[in-house]
Amino acid sequence: MSGELVIYGSYGYTGDLIAQAAIDRGFDPVLSGRNRDKLEDQAIRLGCESEVIGLDDPQELDFLLDDAA
């Protein structure tokens, strides 16, 4: 994972706006959330990396946030 910005719940309305704004400003966000289908569709559309992760597992969160600023 190489992004410096993680957007959890990125496939929702507001998350999608934030993801697009981040890309427009030169960020390479990592899109994240629990719904694999929605996340994969969004990642393909925006050309971003994605990680399917639930908030109930501390180890997954550590992995997700390890490289984020």
PDB file of N, CA and C in Angstrom:
ATOM      1  N   MET A   1       0.845  -1.175   0.000  1.00  0.00           N
ATOM      2  CA  MET A   1       0.000   0.000   0.000  1.00  0.00           C
ATOM      3  C   MET A   1       0.886   1.233   0.000  1.00  0.00           C
ATOM      4  N   SER A   2       0.591   2.179  -0.872  1.00  0.00           N
ATOM      5  CA  SER A   2       1.505   3.308  -1.046  1.00  0.00           C
ATOM      6  C   SER A   2       0.878   4.671  -0.815  1.00  0.00           C
ATOM      7  N   GLY A   3      -0.385   4.746  -0.523  1.00  0.00           N
ATOM      8  CA  GLY A   3      -1.030   6.045  -0.391  1.00  0.00           C
ATOM      9  C   GLY A   3      -0.700   6.748   0.908  1.00  0.00           C
ATOM     10  N   GLU A   4      -0.698   8.061   0.863  1.00  0.00           N
ATOM     11  CA  GLU A   4      -0.489   8.835   2.080  1.00  0.00           C
ATOM     12  C   GLU A   4      -1.810   9.308   2.661  1.00  0.00           C
ATOM     13  N   LEU A   5      -2.889   9.026   1.968  1.00  0.00           N
ATOM     14  CA  LEU A   5      -4.219   9.427   2.397  1.00  0.00           C
ATOM     15  C   LEU A   5      -5.148   8.226   2.283  1.00  0.00           C
ATOM     16  N   VAL A   6      -5.792   7.875   3.391  1.00  0.00           N
ATOM     17  CA  VAL A   6      -6.759   6.781   3.406  1.00  0.00           C
ATOM     18  C   VAL A   6      -8.143   7.382   3.581  1.00  0.00           C
ATOM     19  N   ILE A   7      -9.077   6.979   2.738  1.00  0.00           N
ATOM     20  CA  ILE A   7     -10.453   7.457   2.838  1.00  0.00           C
ATOM     21  C   ILE A   7     -11.334   6.244   3.129  1.00  0.00           C
ATOM     22  N   TYR A   8     -11.782   6.131   4.382  1.00  0.00           N
ATOM     23  CA  TYR A   8     -12.635   5.009   4.770  1.00  0.00           C
ATOM     24  C   TYR A   8     -14.091   5.366   4.472  1.00  0.00           C
ATOM     25  N   GLY A   9     -14.801   4.434   3.865  1.00  0.00           N
ATOM     26  CA  GLY A   9     -16.177   4.704   3.442  1.00  0.00           C
ATOM     27  C   GLY A   9     -16.212   5.568   2.195  1.00  0.00           C
ATOM     28  N   SER A  10     -15.203   5.411   1.378  1.00  0.00           N
ATOM     29  CA  SER A  10     -15.015   6.280   0.208  1.00  0.00           C
ATOM     30  C   SER A  10     -16.097   6.130  -0.845  1.00  0.00           C
ATOM     31  N   TYR A  11     -16.821   5.040  -0.852  1.00  0.00           N
ATOM     32  CA  TYR A  11     -17.812   4.807  -1.903  1.00  0.00           C
ATOM     33  C   TYR A  11     -19.164   5.439  -1.592  1.00  0.00           C
ATOM     34  N   GLY A  12     -19.322   6.038  -0.427  1.00  0.00           N
ATOM     35  CA  GLY A  12     -20.540   6.791  -0.125  1.00  0.00           C
ATOM     36  C   GLY A  12     -20.516   8.129  -0.850  1.00  0.00           C
ATOM     37  N   TYR A  13     -21.601   8.855  -0.778  1.00  0.00           N
ATOM     38  CA  TYR A  13     -21.704  10.123  -1.508  1.00  0.00           C
ATOM     39  C   TYR A  13     -20.590  11.095  -1.120  1.00  0.00           C
ATOM     40  N   THR A  14     -20.461  11.368   0.173  1.00  0.00           N
ATOM     41  CA  THR A  14     -19.451  12.324   0.632  1.00  0.00           C
ATOM     42  C   THR A  14     -18.044  11.774   0.439  1.00  0.00           C
ATOM     43  N   GLY A  15     -17.855  10.489   0.723  1.00  0.00           N
ATOM     44  CA  GLY A  15     -16.545   9.874   0.535  1.00  0.00           C
ATOM     45  C   GLY A  15     -16.081   9.948  -0.905  1.00  0.00           C
ATOM     46  N   ASP A  16     -17.004   9.767  -1.836  1.00  0.00           N
ATOM     47  CA  ASP A  16     -16.657   9.847  -3.254  1.00  0.00           C
ATOM     48  C   ASP A  16     -16.251  11.269  -3.634  1.00  0.00           C
ATOM     49  N   LEU A  17     -16.958  12.266  -3.092  1.00  0.00           N
ATOM     50  CA  LEU A  17     -16.575  13.659  -3.348  1.00  0.00           C
ATOM     51  C   LEU A  17     -15.184  13.956  -2.792  1.00  0.00           C
ATOM     52  N   ILE A  18     -14.904  13.447  -1.599  1.00  0.00           N
ATOM     53  CA  ILE A  18     -13.593  13.657  -0.981  1.00  0.00           C
ATOM     54  C   ILE A  18     -12.507  12.964  -1.798  1.00  0.00           C
ATOM     55  N   ALA A  19     -12.772  11.744  -2.240  1.00  0.00           N
ATOM     56  CA  ALA A  19     -11.788  11.011  -3.045  1.00  0.00           C
ATOM     57  C   ALA A  19     -11.482  11.761  -4.335  1.00  0.00           C
ATOM     58  N   GLN A  20     -12.513  12.237  -5.010  1.00  0.00           N
ATOM     59  CA  GLN A  20     -12.301  12.972  -6.261  1.00  0.00           C
ATOM     60  C   GLN A  20     -11.539  14.268  -6.013  1.00  0.00           C
ATOM     61  N   ALA A  21     -11.873  14.983  -4.940  1.00  0.00           N
ATOM     62  CA  ALA A  21     -11.169  16.227  -4.609  1.00  0.00           C
ATOM     63  C   ALA A  21      -9.704  15.949  -4.286  1.00  0.00           C
ATOM     64  N   ALA A  22      -9.440  14.853  -3.597  1.00  0.00           N
ATOM     65  CA  ALA A  22      -8.059  14.495  -3.269  1.00  0.00           C
ATOM     66  C   ALA A  22      -7.258  14.213  -4.539  1.00  0.00           C
ATOM     67  N   ILE A  23      -7.843  13.472  -5.453  1.00  0.00           N
ATOM     68  CA  ILE A  23      -7.175  13.165  -6.722  1.00  0.00           C
ATOM     69  C   ILE A  23      -6.927  14.445  -7.510  1.00  0.00           C
ATOM     70  N   ASP A  24      -7.924  15.324  -7.546  1.00  0.00           N
ATOM     71  CA  ASP A  24      -7.782  16.595  -8.266  1.00  0.00           C
ATOM     72  C   ASP A  24      -6.656  17.447  -7.700  1.00  0.00           C
ATOM     73  N   ARG A  25      -6.338  17.244  -6.424  1.00  0.00           N
ATOM     74  CA  ARG A  25      -5.284  18.022  -5.767  1.00  0.00           C
ATOM     75  C   ARG A  25      -3.943  17.292  -5.743  1.00  0.00           C
ATOM     76  N   GLY A  26      -3.853  16.181  -6.465  1.00  0.00           N
ATOM     77  CA  GLY A  26      -2.583  15.491  -6.619  1.00  0.00           C
ATOM     78  C   GLY A  26      -2.307  14.377  -5.625  1.00  0.00           C
ATOM     79  N   PHE A  27      -3.268  14.037  -4.789  1.00  0.00           N
ATOM     80  CA  PHE A  27      -3.085  12.924  -3.866  1.00  0.00           C
ATOM     81  C   PHE A  27      -3.361  11.607  -4.581  1.00  0.00           C
ATOM     82  N   ASP A  28      -2.817  10.544  -4.035  1.00  0.00           N
ATOM     83  CA  ASP A  28      -3.066   9.191  -4.523  1.00  0.00           C
ATOM     84  C   ASP A  28      -3.715   8.414  -3.376  1.00  0.00           C
ATOM     85  N   PRO A  29      -5.004   8.640  -3.132  1.00  0.00           N
ATOM     86  CA  PRO A  29      -5.624   8.051  -1.942  1.00  0.00           C
ATOM     87  C   PRO A  29      -5.806   6.544  -2.048  1.00  0.00           C
ATOM     88  N   VAL A  30      -5.810   5.913  -0.884  1.00  0.00           N
ATOM     89  CA  VAL A  30      -6.206   4.518  -0.777  1.00  0.00           C
ATOM     90  C   VAL A  30      -7.662   4.528  -0.342  1.00  0.00           C
ATOM     91  N   LEU A  31      -8.507   3.929  -1.136  1.00  0.00           N
ATOM     92  CA  LEU A  31      -9.935   3.875  -0.853  1.00  0.00           C
ATOM     93  C   LEU A  31     -10.210   2.654   0.007  1.00  0.00           C
ATOM     94  N   SER A  32     -11.049   2.821   1.009  1.00  0.00           N
ATOM     95  CA  SER A  32     -11.277   1.714   1.924  1.00  0.00           C
ATOM     96  C   SER A  32     -12.714   1.692   2.417  1.00  0.00           C
ATOM     97  N   GLY A  33     -13.138   0.504   2.822  1.00  0.00           N
ATOM     98  CA  GLY A  33     -14.473   0.313   3.356  1.00  0.00           C
ATOM     99  C   GLY A  33     -14.767  -1.172   3.478  1.00  0.00           C
ATOM    100  N   ARG A  34     -16.001  -1.498   3.821  1.00  0.00           N
ATOM    101  CA  ARG A  34     -16.389  -2.896   4.034  1.00  0.00           C
ATOM    102  C   ARG A  34     -17.018  -3.552   2.812  1.00  0.00           C
ATOM    103  N   ASN A  35     -17.596  -2.779   1.918  1.00  0.00           N
ATOM    104  CA  ASN A  35     -18.333  -3.335   0.788  1.00  0.00           C
ATOM    105  C   ASN A  35     -17.398  -3.525  -0.414  1.00  0.00           C
ATOM    106  N   ARG A  36     -16.984  -4.763  -0.616  1.00  0.00           N
ATOM    107  CA  ARG A  36     -16.005  -5.082  -1.666  1.00  0.00           C
ATOM    108  C   ARG A  36     -16.474  -4.643  -3.057  1.00  0.00           C
ATOM    109  N   ASP A  37     -17.715  -4.916  -3.405  1.00  0.00           N
ATOM    110  CA  ASP A  37     -18.206  -4.593  -4.749  1.00  0.00           C
ATOM    111  C   ASP A  37     -18.193  -3.094  -5.015  1.00  0.00           C
ATOM    112  N   LYS A  38     -18.747  -2.320  -4.086  1.00  0.00           N
ATOM    113  CA  LYS A  38     -18.765  -0.866  -4.261  1.00  0.00           C
ATOM    114  C   LYS A  38     -17.355  -0.300  -4.299  1.00  0.00           C
ATOM    115  N   LEU A  39     -16.494  -0.828  -3.448  1.00  0.00           N
ATOM    116  CA  LEU A  39     -15.123  -0.336  -3.365  1.00  0.00           C
ATOM    117  C   LEU A  39     -14.344  -0.639  -4.647  1.00  0.00           C
ATOM    118  N   GLU A  40     -14.480  -1.846  -5.152  1.00  0.00           N
ATOM    119  CA  GLU A  40     -13.773  -2.212  -6.380  1.00  0.00           C
ATOM    120  C   GLU A  40     -14.262  -1.393  -7.573  1.00  0.00           C
ATOM    121  N   ASP A  41     -15.569  -1.180  -7.664  1.00  0.00           N
ATOM    122  CA  ASP A  41     -16.107  -0.355  -8.752  1.00  0.00           C
ATOM    123  C   ASP A  41     -15.537   1.063  -8.692  1.00  0.00           C
ATOM    124  N   GLN A  42     -15.508   1.633  -7.497  1.00  0.00           N
ATOM    125  CA  GLN A  42     -14.987   2.991  -7.338  1.00  0.00           C
ATOM    126  C   GLN A  42     -13.486   3.045  -7.634  1.00  0.00           C
ATOM    127  N   ALA A  43     -12.743   2.068  -7.150  1.00  0.00           N
ATOM    128  CA  ALA A  43     -11.297   2.052  -7.367  1.00  0.00           C
ATOM    129  C   ALA A  43     -10.966   1.979  -8.854  1.00  0.00           C
ATOM    130  N   ILE A  44     -11.715   1.193  -9.596  1.00  0.00           N
ATOM    131  CA  ILE A  44     -11.503   1.099 -11.043  1.00  0.00           C
ATOM    132  C   ILE A  44     -11.849   2.431 -11.705  1.00  0.00           C
ATOM    133  N   ARG A  45     -12.971   3.003 -11.318  1.00  0.00           N
ATOM    134  CA  ARG A  45     -13.421   4.269 -11.918  1.00  0.00           C
ATOM    135  C   ARG A  45     -12.425   5.400 -11.663  1.00  0.00           C
ATOM    136  N   LEU A  46     -11.863   5.453 -10.441  1.00  0.00           N
ATOM    137  CA  LEU A  46     -10.958   6.550 -10.090  1.00  0.00           C
ATOM    138  C   LEU A  46      -9.482   6.212 -10.300  1.00  0.00           C
ATOM    139  N   GLY A  47      -9.183   4.946 -10.562  1.00  0.00           N
ATOM    140  CA  GLY A  47      -7.798   4.543 -10.760  1.00  0.00           C
ATOM    141  C   GLY A  47      -6.984   4.567  -9.480  1.00  0.00           C
ATOM    142  N   CYS A  48      -7.597   4.129  -8.393  1.00  0.00           N
ATOM    143  CA  CYS A  48      -6.941   4.155  -7.084  1.00  0.00           C
ATOM    144  C   CYS A  48      -6.773   2.746  -6.522  1.00  0.00           C
ATOM    145  N   GLU A  49      -5.872   2.639  -5.577  1.00  0.00           N
ATOM    146  CA  GLU A  49      -5.715   1.414  -4.804  1.00  0.00           C
ATOM    147  C   GLU A  49      -6.870   1.324  -3.816  1.00  0.00           C
ATOM    148  N   SER A  50      -7.257   0.105  -3.460  1.00  0.00           N
ATOM    149  CA  SER A  50      -8.331  -0.059  -2.481  1.00  0.00           C
ATOM    150  C   SER A  50      -7.998  -1.190  -1.520  1.00  0.00           C
ATOM    151  N   GLU A  51      -8.570  -1.098  -0.330  1.00  0.00           N
ATOM    152  CA  GLU A  51      -8.413  -2.125   0.697  1.00  0.00           C
ATOM    153  C   GLU A  51      -9.765  -2.344   1.362  1.00  0.00           C
ATOM    154  N   VAL A  52     -10.238  -3.591   1.343  1.00  0.00           N
ATOM    155  CA  VAL A  52     -11.481  -3.941   2.023  1.00  0.00           C
ATOM    156  C   VAL A  52     -11.129  -4.282   3.465  1.00  0.00           C
ATOM    157  N   ILE A  53     -11.621  -3.463   4.390  1.00  0.00           N
ATOM    158  CA  ILE A  53     -11.278  -3.634   5.802  1.00  0.00           C
ATOM    159  C   ILE A  53     -12.473  -3.230   6.654  1.00  0.00           C
ATOM    160  N   GLY A  54     -12.735  -4.018   7.694  1.00  0.00           N
ATOM    161  CA  GLY A  54     -13.760  -3.668   8.670  1.00  0.00           C
ATOM    162  C   GLY A  54     -13.130  -2.941   9.845  1.00  0.00           C
ATOM    163  N   LEU A  55     -13.895  -2.110  10.487  1.00  0.00           N
ATOM    164  CA  LEU A  55     -13.375  -1.336  11.618  1.00  0.00           C
ATOM    165  C   LEU A  55     -13.296  -2.142  12.908  1.00  0.00           C
ATOM    166  N   ASP A  56     -13.771  -3.372  12.890  1.00  0.00           N
ATOM    167  CA  ASP A  56     -13.796  -4.179  14.105  1.00  0.00           C
ATOM    168  C   ASP A  56     -12.524  -4.995  14.334  1.00  0.00           C
ATOM    169  N   ASP A  57     -11.533  -4.893  13.465  1.00  0.00           N
ATOM    170  CA  ASP A  57     -10.293  -5.658  13.608  1.00  0.00           C
ATOM    171  C   ASP A  57      -9.102  -4.710  13.720  1.00  0.00           C
ATOM    172  N   PRO A  58      -8.536  -4.560  14.925  1.00  0.00           N
ATOM    173  CA  PRO A  58      -7.415  -3.637  15.122  1.00  0.00           C
ATOM    174  C   PRO A  58      -6.200  -3.945  14.240  1.00  0.00           C
ATOM    175  N   GLN A  59      -5.942  -5.213  13.959  1.00  0.00           N
ATOM    176  CA  GLN A  59      -4.792  -5.559  13.114  1.00  0.00           C
ATOM    177  C   GLN A  59      -4.996  -5.072  11.679  1.00  0.00           C
ATOM    178  N   GLU A  60      -6.205  -5.184  11.172  1.00  0.00           N
ATOM    179  CA  GLU A  60      -6.489  -4.677   9.828  1.00  0.00           C
ATOM    180  C   GLU A  60      -6.341  -3.161   9.784  1.00  0.00           C
ATOM    181  N   LEU A  61      -6.798  -2.488  10.832  1.00  0.00           N
ATOM    182  CA  LEU A  61      -6.656  -1.031  10.888  1.00  0.00           C
ATOM    183  C   LEU A  61      -5.196  -0.624  10.936  1.00  0.00           C
ATOM    184  N   ASP A  62      -4.394  -1.339  11.711  1.00  0.00           N
ATOM    185  CA  ASP A  62      -2.958  -1.048  11.755  1.00  0.00           C
ATOM    186  C   ASP A  62      -2.346  -1.185  10.369  1.00  0.00           C
ATOM    187  N   PHE A  63      -2.717  -2.250   9.651  1.00  0.00           N
ATOM    188  CA  PHE A  63      -2.213  -2.456   8.293  1.00  0.00           C
ATOM    189  C   PHE A  63      -2.628  -1.311   7.379  1.00  0.00           C
ATOM    190  N   LEU A  64      -3.896  -0.930   7.475  1.00  0.00           N
ATOM    191  CA  LEU A  64      -4.427   0.127   6.618  1.00  0.00           C
ATOM    192  C   LEU A  64      -3.719   1.453   6.860  1.00  0.00           C
ATOM    193  N   LEU A  65      -3.469   1.764   8.108  1.00  0.00           N
ATOM    194  CA  LEU A  65      -2.922   3.074   8.461  1.00  0.00           C
ATOM    195  C   LEU A  65      -1.405   3.101   8.563  1.00  0.00           C
ATOM    196  N   ASP A  66      -0.753   1.976   8.367  1.00  0.00           N
ATOM    197  CA  ASP A  66       0.697   1.879   8.542  1.00  0.00           C
ATOM    198  C   ASP A  66       1.468   2.909   7.728  1.00  0.00           C
ATOM    199  N   ASP A  67       1.107   3.108   6.473  1.00  0.00           N
ATOM    200  CA  ASP A  67       1.843   4.025   5.596  1.00  0.00           C
ATOM    201  C   ASP A  67       1.151   5.369   5.412  1.00  0.00           C
ATOM    202  N   ALA A  68      -0.007   5.529   6.013  1.00  0.00           N
ATOM    203  CA  ALA A  68      -0.752   6.782   5.830  1.00  0.00           C
ATOM    204  C   ALA A  68      -0.163   7.890   6.692  1.00  0.00           C
ATOM    205  N   ALA A  69      -0.346   9.107   6.216  1.00  0.00           N
ATOM    206  CA  ALA A  69       0.163  10.261   6.967  1.00  0.00           C
ATOM    207  C   ALA A  69      -0.784  10.598   8.097  1.00  0.00           C
TER     208      ALA A  69
END
